[in-house]
């Protein structure tokens, strides 16, 4: 399947991290997802109910990022992938979680974890 719905740069505050101060102070996380699915039904009917509504998806992902803290980006990415795969039309999901304010004592642009999950 070559059809994809992509949501890039979803910025949500969260309290994830290994250190106590990360959970207390929180920071922004940035999420990118790409869903593989057949968009033919939606293209045929021109009806949003025949595809994944990316607004609903964004809200569901934001709820996870803003919800229960986890220590690792790997865990957060896996939980976000579960959200993406909750819709049975989604065959696979690529998820990247960025932590641009990670506690690294050197200059850097970004830290991220990327995973792919499929049925």
N, C-alpha and C. Protein backbone atom coordinates (compact mmCIF):
# COMPACT_ATOMS: atom_id res chain seq x y z
N UNK A 1 0.84 -1.18 0.00
CA UNK A 1 0.00 0.00 0.00
C UNK A 1 0.89 1.24 0.00
N UNK A 2 0.65 2.13 -0.93
CA UNK A 2 1.46 3.34 -1.03
C UNK A 2 0.74 4.59 -0.54
N UNK A 3 -0.52 4.49 -0.18
CA UNK A 3 -1.25 5.66 0.30
C UNK A 3 -0.82 5.97 1.73
N UNK A 4 -0.66 7.27 2.01
CA UNK A 4 -0.22 7.69 3.34
C UNK A 4 -0.94 8.96 3.76
N UNK A 5 -1.24 9.03 5.02
CA UNK A 5 -1.68 10.27 5.65
C UNK A 5 -0.58 10.63 6.64
N UNK A 6 -0.08 11.85 6.53
CA UNK A 6 1.05 12.28 7.35
C UNK A 6 0.64 13.49 8.18
N UNK A 7 0.99 13.45 9.45
CA UNK A 7 0.81 14.57 10.37
C UNK A 7 2.19 14.89 10.93
N UNK A 8 2.66 16.09 10.70
CA UNK A 8 4.03 16.45 11.05
C UNK A 8 4.05 17.67 11.97
N UNK A 9 4.89 17.58 13.00
CA UNK A 9 5.14 18.74 13.86
C UNK A 9 4.07 19.02 14.90
N UNK A 10 3.35 17.99 15.35
CA UNK A 10 2.35 18.19 16.40
C UNK A 10 3.10 18.46 17.71
N UNK A 11 3.00 19.68 18.20
CA UNK A 11 3.74 20.09 19.40
C UNK A 11 2.79 20.08 20.60
N UNK A 12 3.17 19.28 21.62
CA UNK A 12 2.31 19.10 22.79
C UNK A 12 3.18 19.11 24.05
N UNK A 13 2.78 19.84 25.08
CA UNK A 13 3.53 19.77 26.33
C UNK A 13 3.29 18.43 27.02
N UNK A 14 4.36 17.90 27.60
CA UNK A 14 4.26 16.64 28.33
C UNK A 14 5.25 16.62 29.48
N UNK A 15 5.17 15.58 30.28
CA UNK A 15 6.03 15.47 31.48
C UNK A 15 6.79 14.15 31.47
N UNK A 16 7.35 13.81 30.33
CA UNK A 16 8.05 12.54 30.17
C UNK A 16 9.54 12.74 30.38
N UNK A 17 10.19 11.71 30.92
CA UNK A 17 11.63 11.75 31.08
C UNK A 17 12.08 10.91 32.26
N UNK A 18 13.36 10.65 32.28
CA UNK A 18 13.97 9.84 33.32
C UNK A 18 14.13 10.62 34.62
N UNK A 19 14.35 11.92 34.49
CA UNK A 19 14.66 12.74 35.66
C UNK A 19 13.40 13.37 36.27
N UNK A 20 13.44 13.50 37.59
CA UNK A 20 12.31 14.08 38.31
C UNK A 20 11.97 15.48 37.81
N UNK A 21 12.99 16.30 37.55
CA UNK A 21 12.72 17.68 37.12
C UNK A 21 12.00 17.71 35.76
N UNK A 22 12.20 16.71 34.92
CA UNK A 22 11.49 16.67 33.64
C UNK A 22 10.00 16.45 33.87
N UNK A 23 9.70 15.62 34.83
CA UNK A 23 8.30 15.34 35.14
C UNK A 23 7.64 16.50 35.88
N UNK A 24 8.41 17.21 36.67
CA UNK A 24 7.88 18.36 37.41
C UNK A 24 7.68 19.58 36.51
N UNK A 25 8.69 19.90 35.71
CA UNK A 25 8.65 21.11 34.89
C UNK A 25 7.95 20.88 33.56
N UNK A 26 8.07 19.70 33.01
CA UNK A 26 7.51 19.42 31.70
C UNK A 26 8.29 20.12 30.60
N UNK A 27 7.94 19.78 29.37
CA UNK A 27 8.57 20.36 28.19
C UNK A 27 7.75 19.99 26.97
N UNK A 28 8.05 20.61 25.86
CA UNK A 28 7.33 20.30 24.62
C UNK A 28 7.91 19.06 23.96
N UNK A 29 7.02 18.26 23.42
CA UNK A 29 7.37 17.12 22.59
C UNK A 29 6.75 17.37 21.23
N UNK A 30 7.42 16.91 20.19
CA UNK A 30 6.93 17.09 18.83
C UNK A 30 6.75 15.71 18.22
N UNK A 31 5.58 15.49 17.63
CA UNK A 31 5.23 14.18 17.09
C UNK A 31 4.99 14.27 15.59
N UNK A 32 5.56 13.31 14.88
CA UNK A 32 5.31 13.11 13.46
C UNK A 32 4.76 11.70 13.29
N UNK A 33 3.69 11.56 12.53
CA UNK A 33 3.18 10.23 12.22
C UNK A 33 2.87 10.14 10.73
N UNK A 34 3.04 8.95 10.19
CA UNK A 34 2.64 8.65 8.82
C UNK A 34 1.89 7.33 8.86
N UNK A 35 0.67 7.36 8.36
CA UNK A 35 -0.19 6.19 8.37
C UNK A 35 -0.28 5.61 6.97
N UNK A 36 -0.16 4.31 6.86
CA UNK A 36 -0.38 3.63 5.59
C UNK A 36 -1.78 3.05 5.60
N UNK A 37 -2.55 3.37 4.57
CA UNK A 37 -3.91 2.88 4.45
C UNK A 37 -4.37 3.07 3.01
N UNK A 38 -5.46 2.45 2.69
CA UNK A 38 -6.05 2.60 1.36
C UNK A 38 -6.98 3.81 1.39
N UNK A 39 -6.63 4.85 0.64
CA UNK A 39 -7.46 6.06 0.61
C UNK A 39 -8.48 6.03 -0.53
N UNK A 40 -8.53 4.92 -1.26
CA UNK A 40 -9.47 4.83 -2.38
C UNK A 40 -10.92 5.07 -1.97
N UNK A 41 -11.40 4.46 -0.88
CA UNK A 41 -12.80 4.71 -0.49
C UNK A 41 -13.09 6.20 -0.27
N UNK A 42 -12.20 6.90 0.42
CA UNK A 42 -12.43 8.33 0.68
C UNK A 42 -12.35 9.13 -0.61
N UNK A 43 -11.42 8.78 -1.49
CA UNK A 43 -11.30 9.50 -2.75
C UNK A 43 -12.53 9.29 -3.62
N UNK A 44 -13.14 8.12 -3.51
CA UNK A 44 -14.33 7.81 -4.30
C UNK A 44 -15.57 8.54 -3.78
N UNK A 45 -15.74 8.53 -2.46
CA UNK A 45 -16.95 9.10 -1.86
C UNK A 45 -16.81 10.57 -1.49
N UNK A 46 -15.57 11.05 -1.33
CA UNK A 46 -15.30 12.40 -0.85
C UNK A 46 -15.91 12.63 0.53
N UNK A 47 -15.87 11.57 1.35
CA UNK A 47 -16.48 11.60 2.68
C UNK A 47 -15.41 11.30 3.73
N UNK A 48 -15.26 12.20 4.68
CA UNK A 48 -14.23 12.04 5.71
C UNK A 48 -14.43 10.78 6.54
N UNK A 49 -15.64 10.28 6.63
CA UNK A 49 -15.87 9.06 7.41
C UNK A 49 -15.25 7.83 6.75
N UNK A 50 -14.81 7.97 5.50
CA UNK A 50 -14.18 6.85 4.80
C UNK A 50 -12.66 6.89 4.88
N UNK A 51 -12.13 7.72 5.78
CA UNK A 51 -10.69 7.81 5.97
C UNK A 51 -10.40 8.12 7.42
N UNK A 52 -9.13 8.29 7.74
CA UNK A 52 -8.74 8.71 9.09
C UNK A 52 -8.83 10.23 9.15
N UNK A 53 -9.63 10.72 10.06
CA UNK A 53 -9.76 12.16 10.27
C UNK A 53 -8.53 12.65 11.01
N UNK A 54 -7.68 13.41 10.34
CA UNK A 54 -6.41 13.81 10.97
C UNK A 54 -6.61 14.76 12.13
N UNK A 55 -7.73 15.46 12.20
CA UNK A 55 -8.01 16.29 13.37
C UNK A 55 -8.27 15.42 14.60
N UNK A 56 -9.07 14.38 14.41
CA UNK A 56 -9.32 13.45 15.52
C UNK A 56 -8.04 12.73 15.92
N UNK A 57 -7.24 12.36 14.93
CA UNK A 57 -5.96 11.71 15.22
C UNK A 57 -5.06 12.62 16.04
N UNK A 58 -4.95 13.88 15.66
CA UNK A 58 -4.12 14.84 16.39
C UNK A 58 -4.57 14.95 17.83
N UNK A 59 -5.87 15.02 18.05
CA UNK A 59 -6.39 15.12 19.42
C UNK A 59 -6.07 13.88 20.23
N UNK A 60 -6.19 12.70 19.63
CA UNK A 60 -5.91 11.45 20.34
C UNK A 60 -4.42 11.34 20.68
N UNK A 61 -3.56 11.75 19.76
CA UNK A 61 -2.13 11.73 20.03
C UNK A 61 -1.76 12.73 21.12
N UNK A 62 -2.33 13.91 21.07
CA UNK A 62 -2.06 14.94 22.08
C UNK A 62 -2.48 14.48 23.47
N UNK A 63 -3.56 13.73 23.53
CA UNK A 63 -4.02 13.22 24.83
C UNK A 63 -2.98 12.28 25.45
N UNK A 64 -2.34 11.47 24.62
CA UNK A 64 -1.31 10.56 25.11
C UNK A 64 -0.07 11.33 25.55
N UNK A 65 0.38 12.26 24.72
CA UNK A 65 1.58 13.04 25.06
C UNK A 65 1.34 13.86 26.32
N UNK A 66 0.18 14.43 26.47
CA UNK A 66 -0.13 15.24 27.64
C UNK A 66 -0.59 14.43 28.83
N UNK A 67 -0.67 13.11 28.68
CA UNK A 67 -1.20 12.25 29.73
C UNK A 67 -0.13 11.67 30.64
N UNK A 68 -0.34 10.43 31.01
CA UNK A 68 0.52 9.75 31.98
C UNK A 68 1.99 9.77 31.56
N UNK A 69 2.87 10.26 32.43
CA UNK A 69 4.29 10.33 32.09
C UNK A 69 4.92 8.94 31.97
N UNK A 70 5.89 8.85 31.06
CA UNK A 70 6.73 7.67 30.93
C UNK A 70 8.19 8.13 30.97
N UNK A 71 9.07 7.20 31.19
CA UNK A 71 10.49 7.55 31.27
C UNK A 71 11.13 7.71 29.90
N UNK A 72 10.77 6.83 28.97
CA UNK A 72 11.49 6.75 27.71
C UNK A 72 10.67 7.20 26.51
N UNK A 73 11.35 7.82 25.56
CA UNK A 73 10.70 8.16 24.29
C UNK A 73 10.24 6.91 23.56
N UNK A 74 10.95 5.83 23.73
CA UNK A 74 10.56 4.57 23.10
C UNK A 74 9.17 4.13 23.56
N UNK A 75 8.91 4.28 24.84
CA UNK A 75 7.60 3.92 25.40
C UNK A 75 6.52 4.84 24.87
N UNK A 76 6.81 6.14 24.85
CA UNK A 76 5.85 7.11 24.35
C UNK A 76 5.54 6.84 22.87
N UNK A 77 6.56 6.58 22.08
CA UNK A 77 6.35 6.29 20.66
C UNK A 77 5.49 5.05 20.47
N UNK A 78 5.72 4.02 21.26
CA UNK A 78 4.92 2.80 21.15
C UNK A 78 3.46 3.07 21.50
N UNK A 79 3.21 3.88 22.51
CA UNK A 79 1.82 4.22 22.86
C UNK A 79 1.15 5.02 21.76
N UNK A 80 1.89 5.90 21.13
CA UNK A 80 1.34 6.69 20.02
C UNK A 80 1.04 5.79 18.82
N UNK A 81 1.89 4.82 18.58
CA UNK A 81 1.64 3.87 17.48
C UNK A 81 0.36 3.08 17.73
N UNK A 82 0.11 2.72 18.98
CA UNK A 82 -1.14 2.01 19.31
C UNK A 82 -2.35 2.86 18.96
N UNK A 83 -2.27 4.16 19.23
CA UNK A 83 -3.36 5.07 18.88
C UNK A 83 -3.58 5.06 17.37
N UNK A 84 -2.49 5.14 16.62
CA UNK A 84 -2.60 5.15 15.16
C UNK A 84 -3.22 3.86 14.62
N UNK A 85 -2.86 2.74 15.21
CA UNK A 85 -3.35 1.44 14.74
C UNK A 85 -4.72 1.09 15.30
N UNK A 86 -5.28 1.94 16.16
CA UNK A 86 -6.61 1.67 16.70
C UNK A 86 -7.67 1.68 15.60
N UNK A 87 -7.42 2.44 14.54
CA UNK A 87 -8.33 2.44 13.39
C UNK A 87 -7.97 1.24 12.52
N UNK A 88 -8.90 0.31 12.32
CA UNK A 88 -8.58 -0.92 11.57
C UNK A 88 -8.19 -0.69 10.12
N UNK A 89 -8.45 0.49 9.60
CA UNK A 89 -8.06 0.78 8.21
C UNK A 89 -6.57 1.06 8.08
N UNK A 90 -5.92 1.40 9.20
CA UNK A 90 -4.49 1.71 9.18
C UNK A 90 -3.71 0.40 9.19
N UNK A 91 -2.90 0.21 8.15
CA UNK A 91 -2.12 -1.01 8.02
C UNK A 91 -0.77 -0.91 8.72
N UNK A 92 -0.21 0.28 8.75
CA UNK A 92 1.08 0.51 9.41
C UNK A 92 1.18 1.98 9.81
N UNK A 93 2.02 2.22 10.81
CA UNK A 93 2.23 3.58 11.28
C UNK A 93 3.71 3.80 11.57
N UNK A 94 4.23 4.90 11.03
CA UNK A 94 5.57 5.36 11.38
C UNK A 94 5.40 6.52 12.35
N UNK A 95 6.06 6.43 13.50
CA UNK A 95 5.92 7.44 14.54
C UNK A 95 7.31 7.93 14.94
N UNK A 96 7.47 9.24 14.98
CA UNK A 96 8.69 9.85 15.50
C UNK A 96 8.31 10.80 16.61
N UNK A 97 8.97 10.66 17.74
CA UNK A 97 8.79 11.58 18.87
C UNK A 97 10.09 12.35 19.05
N UNK A 98 9.98 13.67 18.97
CA UNK A 98 11.12 14.57 19.14
C UNK A 98 11.09 15.17 20.54
N UNK A 99 12.27 15.31 21.11
CA UNK A 99 12.41 15.94 22.42
C UNK A 99 13.48 17.03 22.29
N UNK A 100 13.10 18.18 21.72
CA UNK A 100 14.09 19.22 21.41
C UNK A 100 14.69 19.90 22.63
N UNK A 101 14.08 19.70 23.80
CA UNK A 101 14.62 20.32 25.02
C UNK A 101 15.18 19.26 25.97
N UNK A 102 15.64 18.14 25.42
CA UNK A 102 16.20 17.07 26.23
C UNK A 102 17.35 17.59 27.09
N UNK A 103 17.51 17.03 28.29
CA UNK A 103 18.56 17.51 29.19
C UNK A 103 19.95 16.99 28.80
N UNK A 104 20.49 17.58 27.75
CA UNK A 104 21.83 17.24 27.28
C UNK A 104 22.69 18.50 27.45
N UNK A 105 23.82 18.38 28.13
CA UNK A 105 24.62 19.58 28.42
C UNK A 105 25.52 20.04 27.25
N UNK A 106 25.08 19.80 26.04
CA UNK A 106 25.80 20.22 24.84
C UNK A 106 24.82 20.85 23.87
N UNK A 107 25.31 21.64 22.95
CA UNK A 107 24.44 22.22 21.93
C UNK A 107 23.96 21.11 20.99
N UNK A 108 22.65 21.07 20.74
CA UNK A 108 22.07 20.11 19.81
C UNK A 108 20.77 20.67 19.28
N UNK A 109 20.31 20.13 18.20
CA UNK A 109 19.07 20.59 17.60
C UNK A 109 17.87 19.76 18.04
N UNK A 110 18.06 18.45 18.12
CA UNK A 110 16.92 17.58 18.38
C UNK A 110 17.41 16.21 18.82
N UNK A 111 16.56 15.54 19.58
CA UNK A 111 16.70 14.13 19.90
C UNK A 111 15.35 13.50 19.54
N UNK A 112 15.38 12.36 18.89
CA UNK A 112 14.11 11.73 18.55
C UNK A 112 14.25 10.21 18.53
N UNK A 113 13.10 9.57 18.65
CA UNK A 113 12.99 8.13 18.49
C UNK A 113 11.94 7.88 17.44
N UNK A 114 12.26 7.00 16.49
CA UNK A 114 11.32 6.66 15.42
C UNK A 114 11.05 5.15 15.46
N UNK A 115 9.79 4.81 15.31
CA UNK A 115 9.40 3.40 15.27
C UNK A 115 8.41 3.18 14.13
N UNK A 116 8.30 1.94 13.71
CA UNK A 116 7.29 1.53 12.73
C UNK A 116 6.57 0.33 13.31
N UNK A 117 5.24 0.41 13.29
CA UNK A 117 4.42 -0.71 13.73
C UNK A 117 3.41 -1.02 12.64
N UNK A 118 3.10 -2.29 12.50
CA UNK A 118 2.12 -2.68 11.47
C UNK A 118 1.28 -3.83 12.00
N UNK A 119 0.24 -4.10 11.25
CA UNK A 119 -0.65 -5.21 11.62
C UNK A 119 0.00 -6.52 11.26
